[in-house]
C-alpha atoms as a PDB file:
ATOM      1  CA  UNK A   1    -103.525  -2.147 -69.210  1.00  0.00           C
ATOM      2  CA  UNK A   2    -103.329  -3.735 -72.295  1.00  0.00           C
ATOM      3  CA  UNK A   3    -100.314  -2.869 -74.665  1.00  0.00           C
ATOM      4  CA  UNK A   4    -100.107  -2.779 -78.179  1.00  0.00           C
ATOM      5  CA  UNK A   5     -97.822  -5.646 -78.435  1.00  0.00           C
ATOM      6  CA  UNK A   6    -100.540  -7.679 -76.793  1.00  0.00           C
ATOM      7  CA  UNK A   7     -99.433  -7.863 -73.013  1.00  0.00           C
ATOM      8  CA  UNK A   8    -100.968  -6.655 -70.113  1.00  0.00           C
ATOM      9  CA  UNK A   9    -100.353  -5.861 -66.658  1.00  0.00           C
ATOM     10  CA  UNK A  10    -102.071  -4.631 -63.911  1.00  0.00           C
ATOM     11  CA  UNK A  11    -102.362  -1.610 -61.879  1.00  0.00           C
ATOM     12  CA  UNK A  12    -101.355  -3.401 -59.103  1.00  0.00           C
ATOM     13  CA  UNK A  13     -98.011  -4.366 -60.776  1.00  0.00           C
ATOM     14  CA  UNK A  14     -97.326  -1.345 -62.332  1.00  0.00           C
ATOM     15  CA  UNK A  15     -97.270   0.431 -59.020  1.00  0.00           C
ATOM     16  CA  UNK A  16     -94.874  -2.459 -57.277  1.00  0.00           C
ATOM     17  CA  UNK A  17     -92.562  -1.898 -60.148  1.00  0.00           C
ATOM     18  CA  UNK A  18     -92.728   1.529 -59.347  1.00  0.00           C
ATOM     19  CA  UNK A  19     -91.874   0.934 -56.078  1.00  0.00           C
ATOM     20  CA  UNK A  20     -88.948  -0.716 -56.405  1.00  0.00           C
ATOM     21  CA  UNK A  21     -87.400   1.574 -58.735  1.00  0.00           C
ATOM     22  CA  UNK A  22     -88.338   4.803 -56.031  1.00  0.00           C
ATOM     23  CA  UNK A  23     -86.714   2.295 -53.075  1.00  0.00           C
ATOM     24  CA  UNK A  24     -83.581   1.586 -55.383  1.00  0.00           C
ATOM     25  CA  UNK A  25     -82.749   5.295 -56.617  1.00  0.00           C
ATOM     26  CA  UNK A  26     -83.655   7.015 -53.128  1.00  0.00           C
ATOM     27  CA  UNK A  27     -81.608   5.046 -51.141  1.00  0.00           C
ATOM     28  CA  UNK A  28     -78.492   6.916 -49.909  1.00  0.00           C
ATOM     29  CA  UNK A  29     -75.957   4.986 -47.975  1.00  0.00           C
ATOM     30  CA  UNK A  30     -73.482   7.805 -45.922  1.00  0.00           C
ATOM     31  CA  UNK A  31     -70.714   6.787 -43.683  1.00  0.00           C
ATOM     32  CA  UNK A  32     -68.970   9.566 -42.193  1.00  0.00           C
ATOM     33  CA  UNK A  33     -65.171  10.505 -41.737  1.00  0.00           C
ATOM     34  CA  UNK A  34     -63.588   9.169 -38.522  1.00  0.00           C
ATOM     35  CA  UNK A  35     -60.071   8.974 -36.863  1.00  0.00           C
ATOM     36  CA  UNK A  36     -58.940   5.215 -36.650  1.00  0.00           C
ATOM     37  CA  UNK A  37     -60.482   4.115 -33.522  1.00  0.00           C
ATOM     38  CA  UNK A  38     -63.736   6.301 -33.777  1.00  0.00           C
ATOM     39  CA  UNK A  39     -65.135   9.095 -31.507  1.00  0.00           C
ATOM     40  CA  UNK A  40     -62.959   7.579 -28.510  1.00  0.00           C
ATOM     41  CA  UNK A  41     -59.786   7.369 -30.356  1.00  0.00           C
ATOM     42  CA  UNK A  42     -60.433  11.070 -31.470  1.00  0.00           C
ATOM     43  CA  UNK A  43     -61.340  12.347 -28.160  1.00  0.00           C
ATOM     44  CA  UNK A  44     -58.563  10.791 -26.706  1.00  0.00           C
ATOM     45  CA  UNK A  45     -56.377  12.606 -28.909  1.00  0.00           C
ATOM     46  CA  UNK A  46     -57.930  15.971 -28.335  1.00  0.00           C
ATOM     47  CA  UNK A  47     -57.803  15.518 -24.484  1.00  0.00           C
ATOM     48  CA  UNK A  48     -54.108  14.336 -24.849  1.00  0.00           C
ATOM     49  CA  UNK A  49     -52.562  17.218 -27.297  1.00  0.00           C
ATOM     50  CA  UNK A  50     -54.723  20.493 -26.402  1.00  0.00           C
ATOM     51  CA  UNK A  51     -52.396  22.401 -23.891  1.00  0.00           C
ATOM     52  CA  UNK A  52     -53.863  25.693 -22.412  1.00  0.00           C
ATOM     53  CA  UNK A  53     -52.092  28.763 -23.664  1.00  0.00           C
ATOM     54  CA  UNK A  54     -50.052  30.712 -21.033  1.00  0.00           C
ATOM     55  CA  UNK A  55     -51.822  33.616 -22.079  1.00  0.00           C
ATOM     56  CA  UNK A  56     -55.159  32.172 -21.707  1.00  0.00           C
ATOM     57  CA  UNK A  57     -54.680  30.937 -17.837  1.00  0.00           C
ATOM     58  CA  UNK A  58     -53.291  34.507 -16.936  1.00  0.00           C
ATOM     59  CA  UNK A  59     -56.424  36.258 -18.402  1.00  0.00           C
ATOM     60  CA  UNK A  60     -59.156  33.373 -17.428  1.00  0.00           C
ATOM     61  CA  UNK A  61     -60.629  32.833 -14.108  1.00  0.00           C
ATOM     62  CA  UNK A  62     -60.503  29.633 -12.120  1.00  0.00           C
ATOM     63  CA  UNK A  63     -63.362  27.402 -12.788  1.00  0.00           C
ATOM     64  CA  UNK A  64     -63.787  29.444 -16.338  1.00  0.00           C
ATOM     65  CA  UNK A  65     -64.653  26.823 -19.131  1.00  0.00           C
ATOM     66  CA  UNK A  66     -63.223  28.442 -22.613  1.00  0.00           C
ATOM     67  CA  UNK A  67     -64.818  26.918 -25.933  1.00  0.00           C
ATOM     68  CA  UNK A  68     -63.503  27.221 -29.103  1.00  0.00           C
ATOM     69  CA  UNK A  69     -65.465  26.063 -31.896  1.00  0.00           C
ATOM     70  CA  UNK A  70     -63.575  24.580 -35.463  1.00  0.00           C
ATOM     71  CA  UNK A  71     -64.741  23.640 -38.454  1.00  0.00           C
ATOM     72  CA  UNK A  72     -62.672  21.369 -41.275  1.00  0.00           C
ATOM     73  CA  UNK A  73     -63.021  19.362 -44.118  1.00  0.00           C
ATOM     74  CA  UNK A  74     -61.778  15.772 -44.208  1.00  0.00           C
ATOM     75  CA  UNK A  75     -60.654  15.564 -48.072  1.00  0.00           C
ATOM     76  CA  UNK A  76     -61.225  11.977 -50.142  1.00  0.00           C
ATOM     77  CA  UNK A  77     -58.099  11.003 -48.792  1.00  0.00           C
ATOM     78  CA  UNK A  78     -58.625  11.575 -45.549  1.00  0.00           C
ATOM     79  CA  UNK A  79     -56.440  14.868 -44.610  1.00  0.00           C
ATOM     80  CA  UNK A  80     -57.468  17.564 -42.835  1.00  0.00           C
ATOM     81  CA  UNK A  81     -58.061  20.728 -44.744  1.00  0.00           C
ATOM     82  CA  UNK A  82     -59.331  24.195 -44.635  1.00  0.00           C
ATOM     83  CA  UNK A  83     -59.754  24.495 -40.628  1.00  0.00           C
ATOM     84  CA  UNK A  84     -61.538  27.530 -39.382  1.00  0.00           C
ATOM     85  CA  UNK A  85     -63.118  29.224 -36.184  1.00  0.00           C
ATOM     86  CA  UNK A  86     -66.156  29.051 -36.214  1.00  0.00           C
ATOM     87  CA  UNK A  87     -66.599  30.552 -32.347  1.00  0.00           C
ATOM     88  CA  UNK A  88     -63.316  32.455 -30.881  1.00  0.00           C
ATOM     89  CA  UNK A  89     -62.697  32.553 -27.246  1.00  0.00           C
ATOM     90  CA  UNK A  90     -59.481  34.496 -26.981  1.00  0.00           C
ATOM     91  CA  UNK A  91     -56.319  33.760 -29.955  1.00  0.00           C
ATOM     92  CA  UNK A  92     -54.038  32.115 -28.278  1.00  0.00           C
ATOM     93  CA  UNK A  93     -56.762  29.275 -27.577  1.00  0.00           C
ATOM     94  CA  UNK A  94     -57.923  29.781 -31.209  1.00  0.00           C
ATOM     95  CA  UNK A  95     -54.415  29.136 -32.258  1.00  0.00           C
ATOM     96  CA  UNK A  96     -53.764  25.957 -30.093  1.00  0.00           C
ATOM     97  CA  UNK A  97     -57.176  24.659 -31.145  1.00  0.00           C
ATOM     98  CA  UNK A  98     -56.240  24.704 -34.884  1.00  0.00           C
ATOM     99  CA  UNK A  99     -52.784  23.644 -34.508  1.00  0.00           C
ATOM    100  CA  UNK A 100     -54.447  20.390 -32.623  1.00  0.00           C
ATOM    101  CA  UNK A 101     -56.711  20.105 -35.624  1.00  0.00           C
ATOM    102  CA  UNK A 102     -53.854  20.494 -38.260  1.00  0.00           C
ATOM    103  CA  UNK A 103     -51.709  17.899 -36.411  1.00  0.00           C
ATOM    104  CA  UNK A 104     -54.336  15.305 -36.053  1.00  0.00           C
ATOM    105  CA  UNK A 105     -53.752  11.556 -37.425  1.00  0.00           C
ATOM    106  CA  UNK A 106     -55.221  10.619 -40.823  1.00  0.00           C
ATOM    107  CA  UNK A 107     -58.767  10.111 -41.122  1.00  0.00           C
ATOM    108  CA  UNK A 108     -60.756   7.516 -42.911  1.00  0.00           C
ATOM    109  CA  UNK A 109     -62.473   9.464 -45.198  1.00  0.00           C
ATOM    110  CA  UNK A 110     -66.532   9.473 -45.641  1.00  0.00           C
ATOM    111  CA  UNK A 111     -67.791   7.767 -48.637  1.00  0.00           C
ATOM    112  CA  UNK A 112     -71.829   7.832 -49.920  1.00  0.00           C
ATOM    113  CA  UNK A 113     -73.312   4.925 -51.486  1.00  0.00           C
ATOM    114  CA  UNK A 114     -69.363   3.318 -51.698  1.00  0.00           C
ATOM    115  CA  UNK A 115     -67.500   6.289 -53.107  1.00  0.00           C
ATOM    116  CA  UNK A 116     -64.784   8.644 -51.200  1.00  0.00           C
ATOM    117  CA  UNK A 117     -66.791  12.367 -50.526  1.00  0.00           C
ATOM    118  CA  UNK A 118     -65.160  15.204 -49.115  1.00  0.00           C
ATOM    119  CA  UNK A 119     -66.617  15.458 -44.998  1.00  0.00           C
ATOM    120  CA  UNK A 120     -67.160  18.766 -43.052  1.00  0.00           C
ATOM    121  CA  UNK A 121     -66.663  18.404 -39.694  1.00  0.00           C
ATOM    122  CA  UNK A 122     -67.232  20.639 -36.775  1.00  0.00           C
ATOM    123  CA  UNK A 123     -65.512  20.146 -33.291  1.00  0.00           C
ATOM    124  CA  UNK A 124     -65.281  21.891 -29.813  1.00  0.00           C
ATOM    125  CA  UNK A 125     -62.303  22.319 -28.076  1.00  0.00           C
ATOM    126  CA  UNK A 126     -62.754  22.826 -24.225  1.00  0.00           C
ATOM    127  CA  UNK A 127     -60.456  24.393 -21.934  1.00  0.00           C
ATOM    128  CA  UNK A 128     -61.087  24.229 -18.406  1.00  0.00           C
ATOM    129  CA  UNK A 129     -59.302  27.089 -16.471  1.00  0.00           C
END
């Protein structure tokens, strides 16, 4: 292609330049939020802090596995917000799961392309009776 200023470029040069621009614009680097120490530390926190409610123990049979699904947000400062139940089992188990999540340590915030962002997290809390 010859331009009005007299410069020329081949189609291959144009395609190569466009390819580089698309790659730069389309690349998104996302880092999820996490507790200091990662997944092992988070699992350890849950295991040490969940207390099976007496009510649940009296209602469930031995060998029962009760699971409560929780959704929450980790804000840009690493604080947990908007905790709610996505899968209920029984109200005492639900309340205990919410308590454990709300009292969790601060998280490292998520980031996208180097900027802190809000992160939505799903967590199951299991009770083995």
